Protein backbone atom coordinates (compact mmCIF):
# COMPACT_ATOMS: atom_id res chain seq x y z
CA MET A 1 -34.94 25.12 -3.40
CA ASN A 2 -31.19 25.27 -4.08
CA SER A 3 -30.52 23.61 -7.43
CA GLN A 4 -27.57 21.73 -5.93
CA SER A 5 -29.82 20.00 -3.43
CA THR A 6 -31.21 17.76 -6.20
CA GLU A 7 -27.78 16.88 -7.60
CA SER A 8 -26.03 13.71 -6.64
CA HIS A 9 -23.30 14.39 -4.13
CA THR A 10 -20.03 12.47 -3.86
CA VAL A 11 -17.74 12.64 -0.84
CA VAL A 12 -14.13 11.73 -1.59
CA VAL A 13 -12.32 10.63 1.57
CA GLY A 14 -8.58 11.24 1.24
CA ALA A 15 -6.77 14.25 -0.24
CA GLY A 16 -3.77 12.46 -1.71
CA ILE A 17 -3.18 12.04 -5.43
CA VAL A 18 -5.89 9.40 -5.96
CA GLY A 19 -8.54 11.31 -4.01
CA VAL A 20 -7.76 14.69 -5.55
CA ALA A 21 -7.59 13.25 -9.07
CA THR A 22 -10.97 11.56 -8.54
CA ALA A 23 -12.44 14.82 -7.24
CA VAL A 24 -11.15 16.76 -10.27
CA TRP A 25 -12.48 14.25 -12.80
CA LEU A 26 -15.88 14.07 -11.07
CA SER A 27 -16.12 17.87 -10.96
CA ARG A 28 -15.27 18.10 -14.65
CA ALA A 29 -18.13 15.66 -15.29
CA GLY A 30 -20.51 18.03 -13.50
CA HIS A 31 -20.80 16.27 -10.14
CA ARG A 32 -21.09 18.00 -6.78
CA VAL A 33 -18.08 16.84 -4.79
CA THR A 34 -16.74 17.30 -1.27
CA LEU A 35 -13.15 16.30 -0.50
CA VAL A 36 -12.49 15.32 3.12
CA ASP A 37 -9.19 14.63 4.89
CA LYS A 38 -7.79 15.27 8.35
CA LEU A 39 -4.76 16.84 6.61
CA ALA A 40 -4.59 19.51 3.92
CA PRO A 41 -4.28 18.19 0.34
CA GLY A 42 -0.90 16.68 -0.48
CA GLU A 43 0.31 16.47 3.11
CA GLY A 44 0.24 12.67 3.55
CA THR A 45 1.99 9.87 1.69
CA SER A 46 1.45 11.67 -1.63
CA HIS A 47 3.87 14.36 -0.42
CA GLY A 48 6.82 12.08 0.20
CA ASN A 49 7.22 9.76 -2.78
CA ALA A 50 10.06 9.68 -5.32
CA GLY A 51 8.06 11.84 -7.73
CA VAL A 52 8.50 9.48 -10.69
CA LEU A 53 5.80 8.86 -13.26
CA ALA A 54 7.15 5.35 -13.62
CA SER A 55 5.22 3.96 -16.57
CA CYS A 56 7.48 0.90 -16.53
CA ALA A 57 6.63 0.07 -12.89
CA MET A 58 4.40 -2.90 -13.67
CA VAL A 59 6.75 -5.49 -12.14
CA PRO A 60 5.73 -6.39 -8.57
CA VAL A 61 8.24 -6.92 -5.77
CA THR A 62 7.06 -10.53 -5.54
CA THR A 63 9.09 -11.93 -8.42
CA PRO A 64 10.04 -15.63 -8.55
CA GLY A 65 12.66 -16.60 -5.99
CA LEU A 66 11.80 -13.88 -3.47
CA LEU A 67 10.94 -16.42 -0.78
CA ALA A 68 14.45 -17.90 -0.90
CA LYS A 69 16.15 -14.50 -1.09
CA ALA A 70 14.16 -12.66 1.61
CA PRO A 71 16.08 -13.86 4.72
CA LYS A 72 19.42 -12.89 3.14
CA MET A 73 18.03 -9.52 2.10
CA LEU A 74 16.97 -8.77 5.67
CA MET A 75 20.44 -9.59 6.99
CA ASP A 76 22.36 -7.74 4.27
CA ALA A 77 23.44 -4.26 5.41
CA ASN A 78 23.67 -3.21 1.75
CA PHE A 79 20.10 -4.17 0.88
CA PRO A 80 17.26 -1.66 1.47
CA LEU A 81 14.93 -3.97 3.39
CA PHE A 82 14.36 -3.49 7.11
CA MET A 83 12.17 -5.12 9.75
CA ARG A 84 11.08 -4.09 13.22
CA TRP A 85 11.26 -7.61 14.60
CA SER A 86 8.73 -6.93 17.37
CA TYR A 87 6.16 -6.41 14.58
CA LEU A 88 6.82 -9.75 12.86
CA PRO A 89 4.09 -11.77 14.68
CA LYS A 90 1.45 -9.30 13.48
CA LEU A 91 2.95 -9.13 10.00
CA ALA A 92 3.31 -12.92 9.55
CA PRO A 93 -0.18 -13.76 8.11
CA TRP A 94 0.08 -10.94 5.56
CA LEU A 95 3.68 -11.83 4.72
CA TYR A 96 2.83 -15.52 4.18
CA GLN A 97 0.12 -14.56 1.69
CA TYR A 98 2.32 -11.90 0.04
CA LEU A 99 5.16 -14.36 -0.59
CA SER A 100 2.72 -16.90 -2.06
CA PHE A 101 2.49 -14.67 -5.16
CA ALA A 102 6.27 -14.83 -5.77
CA ASN A 103 6.06 -17.20 -8.74
CA ALA A 104 6.28 -16.82 -12.52
CA LYS A 105 2.58 -17.33 -13.28
CA ASP A 106 1.32 -14.80 -10.74
CA THR A 107 4.08 -12.31 -11.59
CA ALA A 108 3.10 -12.37 -15.27
CA ARG A 109 -0.58 -11.92 -14.40
CA ILE A 110 0.06 -9.11 -11.90
CA SER A 111 2.39 -7.31 -14.32
CA GLU A 112 -0.25 -7.38 -17.03
CA ARG A 113 -2.82 -5.84 -14.66
CA LEU A 114 -0.44 -3.23 -13.25
CA ASN A 115 0.56 -2.16 -16.74
CA PHE A 116 -3.08 -1.20 -17.33
CA ILE A 117 -2.75 1.28 -14.43
CA THR A 118 0.81 2.53 -15.01
CA GLY A 119 1.57 2.15 -18.72
CA ASP A 120 0.13 5.50 -19.88
CA SER A 121 0.98 7.42 -16.71
CA VAL A 122 2.46 10.52 -18.34
CA GLU A 123 -0.48 10.96 -20.71
CA GLN A 124 -2.95 10.49 -17.85
CA HIS A 125 -1.23 13.15 -15.74
CA GLN A 126 -1.05 15.48 -18.72
CA ASP A 127 -4.81 15.06 -19.18
CA LEU A 128 -5.37 15.70 -15.48
CA ALA A 129 -3.03 18.68 -15.02
CA GLY A 130 -2.69 20.13 -18.52
CA ASN A 131 -3.67 23.79 -18.97
CA THR A 132 -4.08 24.26 -15.21
CA VAL A 133 -1.89 25.62 -12.40
CA ALA A 134 -0.84 22.03 -11.67
CA ASP A 135 0.94 21.71 -15.02
CA GLN A 136 3.95 23.66 -13.68
CA TRP A 137 5.04 20.62 -11.62
CA LEU A 138 4.84 18.03 -14.41
CA VAL A 139 8.04 17.27 -16.36
CA PRO A 140 8.08 14.70 -19.19
CA SER A 141 11.51 13.08 -18.93
CA GLU A 142 13.58 9.94 -19.19
CA TYR A 143 13.84 7.42 -16.35
CA GLN A 144 17.23 5.80 -15.97
CA PHE A 145 18.77 2.94 -14.00
CA ALA A 146 22.42 3.19 -12.96
CA TYR A 147 24.51 0.02 -12.61
CA ARG A 148 28.13 -0.56 -11.65
CA SER A 149 28.60 -3.00 -14.54
CA ARG A 150 26.86 -4.63 -17.47
CA LYS A 151 26.87 -7.83 -15.38
CA GLU A 152 24.87 -6.08 -12.64
CA PHE A 153 22.34 -4.95 -15.26
CA GLU A 154 22.11 -8.49 -16.67
CA SER A 155 21.44 -9.86 -13.16
CA GLU A 156 18.04 -8.14 -13.45
CA SER A 157 17.23 -9.74 -16.82
CA TYR A 158 13.95 -11.22 -15.57
CA VAL A 159 12.57 -7.79 -14.62
CA TRP A 160 13.83 -6.17 -17.81
CA GLY A 161 12.28 -9.01 -19.80
CA LEU A 162 8.86 -8.20 -18.33
CA ARG A 163 9.36 -4.50 -19.08
CA ARG A 164 10.27 -5.31 -22.68
CA GLU A 165 7.14 -7.42 -23.05
CA HIS A 166 5.13 -4.30 -22.26
CA GLY A 167 7.05 -2.09 -24.67
CA PHE A 168 9.66 -0.57 -22.35
CA VAL A 169 12.97 -1.25 -24.11
CA PRO A 170 16.00 0.53 -22.62
CA GLU A 171 18.83 2.29 -24.39
CA LEU A 172 22.07 1.01 -22.82
CA ILE A 173 25.02 3.32 -22.16
CA ASP A 174 28.38 1.90 -21.09
CA GLY A 175 31.70 3.07 -19.71
CA GLY A 176 32.62 6.74 -19.59
CA ALA A 177 29.44 7.70 -21.44
CA VAL A 178 27.54 7.17 -18.18
CA ARG A 179 29.33 10.07 -16.47
CA GLU A 180 29.13 12.16 -19.63
CA LYS A 181 25.37 11.87 -19.30
CA GLU A 182 25.30 12.28 -15.49
CA PRO A 183 28.49 13.95 -14.18
CA ALA A 184 27.25 13.86 -10.58
CA LEU A 185 27.40 10.05 -10.49
CA SER A 186 30.38 8.16 -9.11
CA ALA A 187 32.88 6.90 -11.68
CA ASP A 188 32.04 3.40 -10.37
CA PHE A 189 28.90 3.39 -12.51
CA LYS A 190 29.75 1.79 -15.85
CA CYS A 191 26.31 0.92 -17.24
CA MET A 192 23.04 2.79 -17.53
CA ALA A 193 19.66 1.67 -18.87
CA VAL A 194 17.65 4.65 -20.10
CA LEU A 195 13.91 4.60 -20.76
CA LYS A 196 12.23 7.31 -22.82
CA HIS A 197 8.64 8.55 -22.42
CA HIS A 198 8.50 8.78 -18.64
CA GLY A 199 8.19 11.81 -16.39
CA HIS A 200 8.51 13.24 -12.92
CA ILE A 201 6.87 15.73 -10.60
CA ARG A 202 9.04 18.59 -9.32
CA SER A 203 7.14 18.68 -6.01
CA PRO A 204 4.63 15.90 -5.32
CA GLY A 205 3.09 17.83 -2.42
CA GLY A 206 2.93 21.04 -4.46
CA TYR A 207 1.38 19.13 -7.36
CA VAL A 208 -1.45 17.69 -5.27
CA LYS A 209 -2.06 21.11 -3.68
CA SER A 210 -2.31 22.69 -7.14
CA LEU A 211 -4.74 19.98 -8.25
CA ALA A 212 -6.82 20.77 -5.15
CA GLU A 213 -6.91 24.40 -6.30
CA VAL A 214 -8.16 23.18 -9.68
CA PHE A 215 -10.84 21.18 -7.89
CA GLU A 216 -11.98 24.23 -5.90
CA SER A 217 -12.03 26.36 -9.06
CA LEU A 218 -14.49 23.81 -10.50
CA GLY A 219 -16.82 24.38 -7.55
CA GLY A 220 -15.52 21.63 -5.30
CA ARG A 221 -15.52 21.90 -1.51
CA ILE A 222 -12.68 20.83 0.79
CA VAL A 223 -13.35 19.89 4.41
CA GLN A 224 -10.44 19.29 6.78
CA SER A 225 -11.74 16.80 9.32
CA SER A 226 -11.17 13.21 10.47
CA VAL A 227 -13.58 10.63 9.07
CA LYS A 228 -14.93 8.29 11.75
CA ASP A 229 -17.39 6.14 9.82
CA ILE A 230 -19.46 5.73 6.67
CA GLU A 231 -23.15 5.36 7.43
CA LEU A 232 -25.28 3.02 5.34
CA VAL A 233 -29.08 2.85 5.26
CA GLY A 234 -30.45 -0.30 3.65
CA ASP A 235 -26.91 -1.14 2.48
CA LYS A 236 -26.73 2.14 0.56
CA VAL A 237 -24.45 4.97 1.59
CA HIS A 238 -26.23 7.74 3.47
CA SER A 239 -23.48 9.90 4.93
CA VAL A 240 -19.83 10.23 5.87
CA VAL A 241 -19.46 10.71 9.60
CA THR A 242 -16.65 13.15 10.47
CA GLU A 243 -15.48 14.45 13.83
CA ASP A 244 -17.36 17.64 12.96
CA GLY A 245 -20.62 15.93 12.05
CA PRO A 246 -22.13 13.92 9.18
CA ILE A 247 -21.98 14.88 5.50
CA ALA A 248 -24.94 13.50 3.55
CA CYS A 249 -24.07 12.01 0.19
CA ASP A 250 -25.10 9.62 -2.58
CA SER A 251 -21.68 8.06 -3.16
CA VAL A 252 -18.33 7.88 -1.42
CA VAL A 253 -14.79 7.30 -2.64
CA LEU A 254 -12.45 5.72 -0.12
CA ALA A 255 -8.93 6.89 -1.03
CA THR A 256 -7.01 7.15 2.23
CA GLY A 257 -4.20 4.76 1.44
CA VAL A 258 -3.35 2.28 4.17
CA TRP A 259 -5.86 4.00 6.48
CA SER A 260 -8.66 2.86 4.15
CA GLY A 261 -8.56 -0.67 5.58
CA PRO A 262 -10.31 0.06 8.91
CA LEU A 263 -13.04 2.13 7.18
CA ALA A 264 -13.61 -0.61 4.60
CA GLU A 265 -13.86 -3.15 7.41
CA LYS A 266 -16.71 -1.14 8.98
CA LEU A 267 -18.56 -1.83 5.71
CA GLY A 268 -17.92 -5.56 5.94
CA LEU A 269 -14.92 -5.59 3.60
CA LYS A 270 -11.71 -7.05 5.02
CA VAL A 271 -8.68 -6.57 2.78
CA PRO A 272 -5.16 -7.98 3.30
CA LEU A 273 -3.38 -4.64 3.48
CA GLU A 274 -0.14 -3.81 5.26
CA ALA A 275 1.75 -0.57 5.83
CA GLU A 276 5.06 -0.57 4.01
CA ARG A 277 7.16 2.14 5.58
CA GLY A 278 9.02 4.25 3.00
CA TYR A 279 11.66 6.90 3.61
CA HIS A 280 13.19 9.79 1.73
CA VAL A 281 15.99 12.27 2.31
CA MET A 282 15.82 15.65 0.58
CA PHE A 283 19.24 17.17 -0.11
CA LYS A 284 18.73 20.94 -0.22
CA ASN A 285 20.72 23.18 -2.57
CA PRO A 286 22.83 20.38 -4.06
CA SER A 287 26.01 21.41 -5.86
CA GLN A 288 25.08 18.97 -8.65
CA SER A 289 21.95 17.07 -9.55
CA VAL A 290 20.74 14.58 -12.16
CA SER A 291 18.91 15.32 -15.40
CA CYS A 292 16.00 12.98 -14.63
CA PRO A 293 14.90 10.37 -12.07
CA THR A 294 17.79 7.94 -11.60
CA MET A 295 17.38 4.56 -9.94
CA ILE A 296 20.57 3.50 -8.17
CA ALA A 297 20.24 -0.23 -8.70
CA ALA A 298 22.58 -1.30 -5.90
CA GLY A 299 20.64 0.70 -3.31
CA LYS A 300 17.16 0.39 -4.88
CA PHE A 301 16.53 4.09 -4.33
CA VAL A 302 15.63 6.82 -6.81
CA ALA A 303 17.34 10.21 -6.98
CA THR A 304 14.90 12.75 -8.44
CA PRO A 305 15.59 16.41 -9.25
CA MET A 306 12.93 18.53 -7.56
CA ALA A 307 12.06 22.16 -7.04
CA ASP A 308 13.54 22.23 -3.54
CA GLY A 309 16.51 19.88 -3.95
CA LEU A 310 17.57 16.37 -4.86
CA ARG A 311 15.26 13.80 -3.28
CA CYS A 312 16.47 10.26 -2.65
CA ALA A 313 13.57 7.96 -1.93
CA GLY A 314 13.24 4.24 -1.49
CA VAL A 315 13.85 1.66 1.22
CA VAL A 316 11.25 -0.80 2.51
CA GLU A 317 10.63 -1.28 6.22
CA PHE A 318 7.96 -3.36 7.90
CA GLY A 319 6.96 -2.12 11.32
CA GLY A 320 3.33 -0.96 11.23
CA LEU A 321 1.76 2.47 11.46
CA LYS A 322 2.39 3.40 15.07
CA ALA A 323 6.18 3.33 15.46
CA GLY A 324 8.22 6.44 14.68
CA PRO A 325 11.06 6.62 12.15
CA SER A 326 13.92 4.13 12.40
CA LYS A 327 17.53 5.24 12.23
CA ALA A 328 18.85 2.39 10.07
CA PRO A 329 16.89 3.18 6.84
CA ILE A 330 17.96 6.85 6.92
CA ASP A 331 21.57 5.85 7.62
CA PHE A 332 21.34 3.46 4.66
CA LEU A 333 20.09 6.20 2.32
CA MET A 334 22.77 8.63 3.49
CA ARG A 335 25.52 6.04 3.01
CA LYS A 336 24.32 5.01 -0.46
CA PHE A 337 23.90 8.64 -1.50
CA LYS A 338 27.51 9.41 -0.58
CA GLU A 339 28.73 6.31 -2.43
CA SER A 340 26.72 7.18 -5.53
CA PHE A 341 27.23 10.97 -5.55
CA PRO A 342 30.61 11.42 -3.83
CA ASP A 343 31.26 15.00 -4.99
CA VAL A 344 27.79 16.43 -4.35
CA SER A 345 27.58 18.89 -1.46
CA TYR A 346 24.36 20.34 -0.03
CA SER A 347 23.20 22.86 2.56
CA GLU A 348 20.97 20.59 4.69
CA THR A 349 18.87 17.43 4.64
CA VAL A 350 15.20 16.86 5.40
CA GLU A 351 14.12 13.35 6.37
CA TRP A 352 10.66 11.86 5.89
CA LEU A 353 8.76 8.67 6.68
CA GLY A 354 5.49 7.65 5.03
CA HIS A 355 3.34 4.54 4.71
CA ARG A 356 2.69 2.77 1.41
CA PRO A 357 -0.52 0.69 1.31
CA ALA A 358 0.58 -2.81 0.27
CA PRO A 359 -1.97 -5.50 -0.70
CA THR A 360 -0.77 -9.10 -0.67
CA ASP A 361 -1.23 -9.42 -4.45
CA SER A 362 0.32 -6.00 -5.31
CA LEU A 363 -2.87 -4.85 -7.08
CA PRO A 364 -4.82 -1.79 -5.91
CA PHE A 365 -8.45 -1.98 -4.85
CA ILE A 366 -10.54 -0.14 -7.45
CA GLY A 367 -14.30 -0.63 -7.61
CA GLN A 368 -17.54 -0.55 -5.67
CA ILE A 369 -18.13 -2.33 -2.38
CA ARG A 370 -21.19 -4.48 -3.18
CA SER A 371 -23.84 -2.01 -4.44
CA THR A 372 -23.42 0.40 -1.54
CA GLY A 373 -22.31 3.43 -3.52
CA VAL A 374 -18.95 3.28 -1.73
CA TYR A 375 -16.03 3.06 -4.16
CA THR A 376 -12.43 2.17 -3.35
CA GLY A 377 -9.23 3.66 -4.70
CA PHE A 378 -6.37 2.53 -2.49
CA GLY A 379 -3.63 -0.09 -2.17
CA HIS A 380 -1.22 1.17 -4.84
CA GLN A 381 1.94 0.26 -2.88
CA HIS A 382 4.81 1.70 -5.01
CA ILE A 383 2.70 3.14 -7.85
CA GLY A 384 0.46 5.65 -6.05
CA LEU A 385 1.65 8.78 -7.87
CA THR A 386 2.27 6.93 -11.13
CA GLY A 387 -1.21 5.41 -11.21
CA GLY A 388 -3.08 8.11 -9.29
CA ALA A 389 -4.32 10.12 -12.25
CA LYS A 390 -5.70 7.08 -14.09
CA THR A 391 -7.20 5.54 -10.96
CA GLY A 392 -9.06 8.78 -10.25
CA ARG A 393 -10.33 8.85 -13.82
CA LEU A 394 -11.50 5.23 -13.61
CA ILE A 395 -13.39 5.77 -10.35
CA ALA A 396 -15.01 8.94 -11.67
CA GLY A 397 -16.05 6.95 -14.73
CA LEU A 398 -17.61 4.23 -12.58
CA ILE A 399 -19.63 6.80 -10.62
CA SER A 400 -20.66 8.64 -13.79
CA GLY A 401 -21.64 5.40 -15.53
CA GLU A 402 -19.05 5.90 -18.27
CA HIS A 403 -17.19 2.71 -17.27
CA ASP A 404 -18.45 -0.61 -16.04
CA GLU A 405 -16.74 -2.81 -13.50
CA VAL A 406 -16.18 -5.72 -15.89
CA GLY A 407 -12.91 -4.26 -17.16
CA LEU A 408 -11.71 -3.73 -13.59
CA GLU A 409 -12.36 -7.29 -12.39
CA ALA A 410 -8.73 -7.79 -11.31
CA PHE A 411 -8.96 -4.82 -8.94
CA ARG A 412 -12.27 -5.73 -7.31
CA PRO A 413 -12.24 -4.66 -3.64
CA ASP A 414 -13.95 -7.92 -2.60
CA ARG A 415 -11.60 -10.26 -4.48
CA PHE A 416 -10.30 -11.74 -1.21
CA SER A 417 -13.72 -12.30 0.30
């Protein structure tokens, strides 16, 4: 008998950062692991993010006052929030619940929980990628926020107050010193808040692909196929049903982002999850770049120096999974880029649309569905790359018995049941 036939076998569904990180950590712990996705590793939402290891990203979008501000935001051509109005009736129940968390008490609670996932992001990615081929993509760096004035910075005092509470205290640069630090920026920027001890990934897609190589070098198997169902026998996982046939297993990790919802529902778990459409524009061969990820506060987008250009990523659009890209968000990014980097030329642009998985309470779903042997690792909204390494480590620890679920109570997949 093959010795592997007596080993426990885990199937990880989803080859983005969370799935690949989970697969690597499980393989390092000696587990037999199969990674399944309809796309090659790093081809989905994990490919298109801003590339920031944003350790300070514990503040949810749903801060106090959002309910009153939201209508104005939607109508403001200079604010990066867009809506496909035909989708609003379907979005409404989720949106009502989402906005209910926009209060001081919930924001403080959510920030505390998110900080557990994001706060040590750089160290977690260094542990995951260090001394492997994936390490080439990882750059410890600053993370900076560019403002047109000190007054504009102070208008975000609530958010900066929460960051300070969790140890993220910015160094402030004013006046001409802003352009001395970042010559590519417009002279209109007169204030910059700089955070140390952050990082970025020079190619998010390349990084996940390299981690998949690490996984294979540890004996892992990658199957490119669509997952149709997860079969339970006696409320215990038996197999993952793909379009190419079933894969027998003892445990499953569900890490397919916003597409995890329908699979979870087949297991009796209904989660309030919505697709938040995010865009980026890659500016190839830019004449100038920035030294580190730079959040342009007025446009709420991040400019990140990457291996194949300067990527500007951000913008929120609600419109579901089925519709193609909208013109307005890309036009917005192009306009804000030209305002912020007026002297930067480039050879071409590449546009991208992806779907962030957004739970109503801004907290990812991490844990086991009942006692089925099916574990969840999805719903990270804006912190997928940042929190991906740690989430994968946590899930691997749950499966290995190194962690218990008590410490992950806030992320329970059934917390809305």
